[in-house]
C-alpha atoms as a PDB file:
ATOM      1  CA  VAL A   1       0.238   0.079   0.185  1.00  0.00           C
ATOM      2  CA  VAL A   2       2.945   2.630   0.957  1.00  0.00           C
ATOM      3  CA  SER A   3       4.763   1.842  -2.361  1.00  0.00           C
ATOM      4  CA  THR A   4       1.684   2.007  -4.315  1.00  0.00           C
ATOM      5  CA  GLN A   5       0.668   5.337  -2.765  1.00  0.00           C
ATOM      6  CA  SER A   6       4.017   7.202  -2.566  1.00  0.00           C
ATOM      7  CA  THR A   7       4.783   5.726  -6.450  1.00  0.00           C
ATOM      8  CA  GLY A   8       1.105   6.996  -7.451  1.00  0.00           C
ATOM      9  CA  ASN A   9       1.674  10.414  -6.181  1.00  0.00           C
ATOM     10  CA  LEU A  10       4.718  10.822  -8.386  1.00  0.00           C
ATOM     11  CA  THR A  11       2.835  10.380 -11.123  1.00  0.00           C
ATOM     12  CA  GLN A  12       2.347  13.934 -12.884  1.00  0.00           C
ATOM     13  CA  ASP A  13       0.300  14.634 -16.181  1.00  0.00           C
ATOM     14  CA  ASN A  14       3.351  14.172 -18.385  1.00  0.00           C
ATOM     15  CA  GLN A  15       3.406  10.962 -20.489  1.00  0.00           C
ATOM     16  CA  GLN A  16       7.640  11.589 -20.640  1.00  0.00           C
ATOM     17  CA  THR A  17       7.552  11.935 -17.063  1.00  0.00           C
ATOM     18  CA  ASP A  18       5.226   8.708 -16.905  1.00  0.00           C
ATOM     19  CA  GLN A  19       7.720   6.992 -19.589  1.00  0.00           C
ATOM     20  CA  HIS A  20      10.748   7.822 -17.490  1.00  0.00           C
ATOM     21  CA  GLN A  21       9.258   6.838 -13.914  1.00  0.00           C
ATOM     22  CA  LEU A  22       8.089   3.386 -16.082  1.00  0.00           C
ATOM     23  CA  GLU A  23      11.861   2.665 -16.530  1.00  0.00           C
ATOM     24  CA  ILE A  24      13.491   3.670 -13.309  1.00  0.00           C
ATOM     25  CA  VAL A  25      11.398   1.152 -12.128  1.00  0.00           C
ATOM     26  CA  TRP A  26      11.824  -1.906 -14.230  1.00  0.00           C
ATOM     27  CA  ALA A  27      15.578  -0.948 -14.002  1.00  0.00           C
ATOM     28  CA  LEU A  28      15.267  -1.202 -10.147  1.00  0.00           C
ATOM     29  CA  SER A  29      12.872  -4.336 -10.046  1.00  0.00           C
ATOM     30  CA  ALA A  30      15.662  -5.967 -12.333  1.00  0.00           C
ATOM     31  CA  ALA A  31      18.414  -5.395 -10.274  1.00  0.00           C
ATOM     32  CA  SER A  32      16.410  -6.246  -7.794  1.00  0.00           C
ATOM     33  CA  PHE A  33      15.315  -9.816  -8.908  1.00  0.00           C
ATOM     34  CA  GLY A  34      18.536  -9.982 -10.335  1.00  0.00           C
ATOM     35  CA  VAL A  35      20.757 -10.191  -7.553  1.00  0.00           C
ATOM     36  CA  PHE A  36      18.146 -12.356  -5.758  1.00  0.00           C
ATOM     37  CA  ALA A  37      18.830 -14.731  -8.802  1.00  0.00           C
ATOM     38  CA  LEU A  38      22.223 -14.901  -8.682  1.00  0.00           C
ATOM     39  CA  ILE A  39      21.908 -15.913  -4.414  1.00  0.00           C
ATOM     40  CA  ALA A  40      19.777 -18.252  -5.526  1.00  0.00           C
ATOM     41  CA  GLN A  41      22.239 -20.049  -7.842  1.00  0.00           C
ATOM     42  CA  LYS A  42      25.084 -19.289  -5.261  1.00  0.00           C
ATOM     43  CA  MET A  43      27.068 -16.658  -6.775  1.00  0.00           C
ATOM     44  CA  ILE A  44      26.499 -14.757  -4.566  1.00  0.00           C
ATOM     45  CA  VAL A  45      27.756 -16.400  -1.173  1.00  0.00           C
ATOM     46  CA  PHE A  46      27.581 -13.204   1.645  1.00  0.00           C
ATOM     47  CA  SER A  47      25.166 -13.374   3.908  1.00  0.00           C
ATOM     48  CA  PRO A  48      22.790 -15.188   1.442  1.00  0.00           C
ATOM     49  CA  TYR A  49      19.891 -14.646   3.965  1.00  0.00           C
ATOM     50  CA  VAL A  50      19.784 -11.328   4.494  1.00  0.00           C
ATOM     51  CA  LEU A  51      20.966  -9.960   1.060  1.00  0.00           C
ATOM     52  CA  ALA A  52      17.987 -12.146  -0.263  1.00  0.00           C
ATOM     53  CA  LEU A  53      15.133 -10.957   1.979  1.00  0.00           C
ATOM     54  CA  LEU A  54      16.029  -7.140   1.445  1.00  0.00           C
ATOM     55  CA  CYS A  55      15.877  -7.835  -2.665  1.00  0.00           C
ATOM     56  CA  ASN A  56      12.249  -9.876  -2.190  1.00  0.00           C
ATOM     57  CA  ILE A  57      11.906  -6.669  -0.301  1.00  0.00           C
ATOM     58  CA  VAL A  58      13.191  -3.597  -2.086  1.00  0.00           C
ATOM     59  CA  GLY A  59      12.084  -5.801  -5.807  1.00  0.00           C
ATOM     60  CA  GLY A  60       8.471  -6.479  -3.983  1.00  0.00           C
ATOM     61  CA  PHE A  61       8.140  -2.537  -2.892  1.00  0.00           C
ATOM     62  CA  VAL A  62       9.339  -1.041  -6.815  1.00  0.00           C
ATOM     63  CA  ILE A  63       7.123  -3.502  -8.575  1.00  0.00           C
ATOM     64  CA  ASN A  64       3.797  -2.586  -6.425  1.00  0.00           C
ATOM     65  CA  GLY A  65       4.456   0.817  -7.168  1.00  0.00           C
ATOM     66  CA  PHE A  66       4.334   0.311 -10.648  1.00  0.00           C
ATOM     67  CA  SER A  67       0.472  -0.461 -11.130  1.00  0.00           C
ATOM     68  CA  PRO A  68      -0.017   4.093 -10.935  1.00  0.00           C
ATOM     69  CA  ILE A  69       2.141   4.569 -13.148  1.00  0.00           C
ATOM     70  CA  ALA A  70       1.025   2.219 -15.898  1.00  0.00           C
ATOM     71  CA  TYR A  71      -2.196   2.731 -15.458  1.00  0.00           C
ATOM     72  CA  GLU A  72      -1.972   6.538 -16.149  1.00  0.00           C
ATOM     73  CA  ALA A  73       0.188   5.480 -18.847  1.00  0.00           C
ATOM     74  CA  VAL A  74      -2.563   3.576 -20.072  1.00  0.00           C
ATOM     75  CA  VAL A  75      -4.822   6.461 -19.791  1.00  0.00           C
ATOM     76  CA  GLU A  76      -2.273   9.145 -21.589  1.00  0.00           C
ATOM     77  CA  THR A  77      -1.825   6.890 -24.795  1.00  0.00           C
ATOM     78  CA  SER A  78      -5.203   5.785 -25.258  1.00  0.00           C
ATOM     79  CA  TYR A  79      -6.949   9.341 -25.274  1.00  0.00           C
ATOM     80  CA  PRO A  80      -9.474   8.923 -27.622  1.00  0.00           C
ATOM     81  CA  THR A  81     -10.709   6.272 -25.823  1.00  0.00           C
ATOM     82  CA  PRO A  82     -12.529   6.154 -22.394  1.00  0.00           C
ATOM     83  CA  GLU A  83     -10.239   6.174 -19.431  1.00  0.00           C
ATOM     84  CA  ALA A  84     -11.970   2.510 -18.422  1.00  0.00           C
ATOM     85  CA  ALA A  85     -11.414   0.540 -21.343  1.00  0.00           C
ATOM     86  CA  GLY A  86      -7.120   1.401 -20.916  1.00  0.00           C
ATOM     87  CA  ALA A  87      -7.535   0.453 -17.522  1.00  0.00           C
ATOM     88  CA  GLY A  88      -9.976  -2.241 -18.154  1.00  0.00           C
ATOM     89  CA  MET A  89      -7.765  -3.582 -20.237  1.00  0.00           C
ATOM     90  CA  VAL A  90      -4.829  -3.151 -18.045  1.00  0.00           C
ATOM     91  CA  SER A  91      -5.974  -5.359 -15.519  1.00  0.00           C
ATOM     92  CA  LEU A  92      -7.720  -7.717 -17.363  1.00  0.00           C
ATOM     93  CA  MET A  93      -3.462  -8.658 -18.882  1.00  0.00           C
ATOM     94  CA  ASN A  94      -2.055  -8.266 -15.318  1.00  0.00           C
ATOM     95  CA  ASN A  95      -4.697 -10.950 -14.060  1.00  0.00           C
ATOM     96  CA  VAL A  96      -3.892 -13.217 -17.243  1.00  0.00           C
ATOM     97  CA  ALA A  97      -0.028 -12.697 -16.308  1.00  0.00           C
ATOM     98  CA  GLY A  98      -0.807 -13.632 -12.932  1.00  0.00           C
ATOM     99  CA  LEU A  99      -2.360 -16.442 -14.082  1.00  0.00           C
ATOM    100  CA  VAL A 100       0.209 -17.930 -16.288  1.00  0.00           C
ATOM    101  CA  PHE A 101       2.876 -17.445 -13.755  1.00  0.00           C
ATOM    102  CA  ILE A 102       1.049 -19.529 -10.991  1.00  0.00           C
END
């Protein structure tokens, strides 16, 4: 809840700013989960439990903050269509991806 609220407050009415924020969120989550993958493969042995926990916390915080930025970017990109159509499509794709990964 905190990550979504804090990241959502950062969004502005500028599509370029939204795209820049999405790139930052993706880079941070990729870095965090990349380090976690290295820990899982035992390539990083320095305090693996604490570092794995920190990577999951940071990665979860960043990736949960992605939702409001994604919704704002979709609404800005698909301007002539109603906001509900774009947001509904993002929700549908999010649910399908979640089902595939489960």
